[in-house]
Amino acid sequence: MQLDDDTFQQMIANDPDLQTVSLKQISDHYAVSMRLLNRYIEQGSLHAVKLGRHYIVTIASLKLFLSATSRGTQDSLSRTINEMYEEEQQGRRAADRQM
């Protein structure tokens, strides 16, 4: 069965699991870095599709990722975010010392 464009667009519009979000939208909404999201994609924890230079994530994939995030993973996520923040701060301090 072949779908015409209008039918396909209606199908996507009526099924939120087929709708997509960008990594930037996820990053902004959940207050996590793009770098961390890319790391999850590289590890295979978050399924995404690369279109050109950008990734998109279906709502279904995001829901699956979030539901699979157990308390231990949430703690790990917090540690990873804290580690990345500390690395960034160390880099800034080093740059300030060079000035």
C-alpha atoms as a PDB file:
ATOM      1  CA  MET A   1       0.000   0.000   0.000  1.00  0.00           C
ATOM      2  CA  GLN A   2       1.425   3.343  -1.009  1.00  0.00           C
ATOM      3  CA  LEU A   3       0.540   6.455   0.957  1.00  0.00           C
ATOM      4  CA  ASP A   4       0.133   9.843  -0.605  1.00  0.00           C
ATOM      5  CA  ASP A   5       1.806  12.822   1.080  1.00  0.00           C
ATOM      6  CA  ASP A   6      -1.376  14.124   2.713  1.00  0.00           C
ATOM      7  CA  THR A   7      -2.210  10.750   4.254  1.00  0.00           C
ATOM      8  CA  PHE A   8       1.345  10.354   5.477  1.00  0.00           C
ATOM      9  CA  GLN A   9       1.375  13.839   7.051  1.00  0.00           C
ATOM     10  CA  GLN A  10      -1.974  13.160   8.763  1.00  0.00           C
ATOM     11  CA  MET A  11      -0.688   9.853  10.081  1.00  0.00           C
ATOM     12  CA  ILE A  12       2.338  11.530  11.637  1.00  0.00           C
ATOM     13  CA  ALA A  13       0.291  14.424  13.017  1.00  0.00           C
ATOM     14  CA  ASN A  14      -2.156  12.022  14.679  1.00  0.00           C
ATOM     15  CA  ASP A  15       0.472   9.790  16.279  1.00  0.00           C
ATOM     16  CA  PRO A  16       2.664  11.628  18.789  1.00  0.00           C
ATOM     17  CA  ASP A  17       5.082   8.687  18.897  1.00  0.00           C
ATOM     18  CA  LEU A  18       5.990   9.380  15.261  1.00  0.00           C
ATOM     19  CA  GLN A  19       6.690  13.037  15.913  1.00  0.00           C
ATOM     20  CA  THR A  20      10.299  14.057  16.376  1.00  0.00           C
ATOM     21  CA  VAL A  21      12.296  16.440  18.511  1.00  0.00           C
ATOM     22  CA  SER A  22      15.798  17.769  18.070  1.00  0.00           C
ATOM     23  CA  LEU A  23      18.640  17.255  20.516  1.00  0.00           C
ATOM     24  CA  LYS A  24      18.519  21.006  21.162  1.00  0.00           C
ATOM     25  CA  GLN A  25      14.881  20.737  22.242  1.00  0.00           C
ATOM     26  CA  ILE A  26      15.694  17.807  24.544  1.00  0.00           C
ATOM     27  CA  SER A  27      18.735  19.627  25.896  1.00  0.00           C
ATOM     28  CA  ASP A  28      16.741  22.755  26.682  1.00  0.00           C
ATOM     29  CA  HIS A  29      13.768  20.921  28.182  1.00  0.00           C
ATOM     30  CA  TYR A  30      15.723  18.541  30.427  1.00  0.00           C
ATOM     31  CA  ALA A  31      18.650  20.902  31.139  1.00  0.00           C
ATOM     32  CA  VAL A  32      21.312  18.495  29.897  1.00  0.00           C
ATOM     33  CA  SER A  33      24.145  19.261  27.528  1.00  0.00           C
ATOM     34  CA  MET A  34      24.167  18.373  23.862  1.00  0.00           C
ATOM     35  CA  ARG A  35      27.474  16.644  24.525  1.00  0.00           C
ATOM     36  CA  LEU A  36      25.833  14.298  27.024  1.00  0.00           C
ATOM     37  CA  LEU A  37      23.000  13.511  24.625  1.00  0.00           C
ATOM     38  CA  ASN A  38      25.528  12.732  21.891  1.00  0.00           C
ATOM     39  CA  ARG A  39      27.310  10.428  24.323  1.00  0.00           C
ATOM     40  CA  TYR A  40      24.047   8.559  25.013  1.00  0.00           C
ATOM     41  CA  ILE A  41      23.481   8.218  21.267  1.00  0.00           C
ATOM     42  CA  GLU A  42      27.020   6.898  20.721  1.00  0.00           C
ATOM     43  CA  GLN A  43      26.531   4.394  23.568  1.00  0.00           C
ATOM     44  CA  GLY A  44      23.241   3.254  22.042  1.00  0.00           C
ATOM     45  CA  SER A  45      21.195   4.302  25.068  1.00  0.00           C
ATOM     46  CA  LEU A  46      19.218   6.897  23.119  1.00  0.00           C
ATOM     47  CA  HIS A  47      18.090   6.003  19.615  1.00  0.00           C
ATOM     48  CA  ALA A  48      18.379   8.863  17.137  1.00  0.00           C
ATOM     49  CA  VAL A  49      18.588   9.354  13.402  1.00  0.00           C
ATOM     50  CA  LYS A  50      21.159  11.657  11.884  1.00  0.00           C
ATOM     51  CA  LEU A  51      19.808  13.945   9.180  1.00  0.00           C
ATOM     52  CA  GLY A  52      22.655  15.920   7.698  1.00  0.00           C
ATOM     53  CA  ARG A  53      24.603  17.334  10.622  1.00  0.00           C
ATOM     54  CA  HIS A  54      21.799  17.034  13.166  1.00  0.00           C
ATOM     55  CA  TYR A  55      20.129  14.226  15.067  1.00  0.00           C
ATOM     56  CA  ILE A  56      16.398  13.821  15.543  1.00  0.00           C
ATOM     57  CA  VAL A  57      14.721  11.618  18.116  1.00  0.00           C
ATOM     58  CA  THR A  58      11.199  10.251  17.920  1.00  0.00           C
ATOM     59  CA  ILE A  59       8.950  10.863  20.887  1.00  0.00           C
ATOM     60  CA  ALA A  60       8.669   7.061  21.212  1.00  0.00           C
ATOM     61  CA  SER A  61      12.476   6.721  21.477  1.00  0.00           C
ATOM     62  CA  LEU A  62      12.647   9.521  24.013  1.00  0.00           C
ATOM     63  CA  LYS A  63       9.879   7.923  26.101  1.00  0.00           C
ATOM     64  CA  LEU A  64      11.670   4.578  25.973  1.00  0.00           C
ATOM     65  CA  PHE A  65      14.953   6.172  27.017  1.00  0.00           C
ATOM     66  CA  LEU A  66      13.306   8.047  29.885  1.00  0.00           C
ATOM     67  CA  SER A  67      11.342   5.020  31.088  1.00  0.00           C
ATOM     68  CA  ALA A  68      14.496   2.894  31.038  1.00  0.00           C
ATOM     69  CA  THR A  69      16.236   5.472  33.164  1.00  0.00           C
ATOM     70  CA  SER A  70      16.247   3.791  36.542  1.00  0.00           C
ATOM     71  CA  ARG A  71      17.212   5.535  39.765  1.00  0.00           C
ATOM     72  CA  GLY A  72      20.787   4.265  39.345  1.00  0.00           C
ATOM     73  CA  THR A  73      20.920   5.688  35.849  1.00  0.00           C
ATOM     74  CA  GLN A  74      19.524   8.988  37.125  1.00  0.00           C
ATOM     75  CA  ASP A  75      22.294   9.078  39.728  1.00  0.00           C
ATOM     76  CA  SER A  76      24.804   8.264  37.004  1.00  0.00           C
ATOM     77  CA  LEU A  77      23.332  11.009  34.821  1.00  0.00           C
ATOM     78  CA  SER A  78      23.694  13.484  37.700  1.00  0.00           C
ATOM     79  CA  ARG A  79      27.315  12.423  38.246  1.00  0.00           C
ATOM     80  CA  THR A  80      28.060  12.718  34.526  1.00  0.00           C
ATOM     81  CA  ILE A  81      26.521  16.184  34.387  1.00  0.00           C
ATOM     82  CA  ASN A  82      28.492  17.212  37.479  1.00  0.00           C
ATOM     83  CA  GLU A  83      31.705  15.809  35.984  1.00  0.00           C
ATOM     84  CA  MET A  84      31.143  17.679  32.737  1.00  0.00           C
ATOM     85  CA  TYR A  85      30.419  20.878  34.661  1.00  0.00           C
ATOM     86  CA  GLU A  86      33.620  20.446  36.683  1.00  0.00           C
ATOM     87  CA  GLU A  87      35.650  19.815  33.504  1.00  0.00           C
ATOM     88  CA  GLU A  88      34.195  22.975  31.986  1.00  0.00           C
ATOM     89  CA  GLN A  89      35.024  24.973  35.124  1.00  0.00           C
ATOM     90  CA  GLN A  90      38.594  23.630  35.164  1.00  0.00           C
ATOM     91  CA  GLY A  91      38.978  24.623  31.523  1.00  0.00           C
ATOM     92  CA  ARG A  92      37.742  28.135  32.296  1.00  0.00           C
ATOM     93  CA  ARG A  93      40.099  28.457  35.272  1.00  0.00           C
ATOM     94  CA  ALA A  94      43.018  27.332  33.098  1.00  0.00           C
ATOM     95  CA  ALA A  95      42.055  29.830  30.389  1.00  0.00           C
ATOM     96  CA  ASP A  96      41.805  32.603  32.988  1.00  0.00           C
ATOM     97  CA  ARG A  97      45.293  31.793  34.303  1.00  0.00           C
ATOM     98  CA  GLN A  98      46.726  32.057  30.791  1.00  0.00           C
ATOM     99  CA  MET A  99      45.382  35.599  30.381  1.00  0.00           C
END
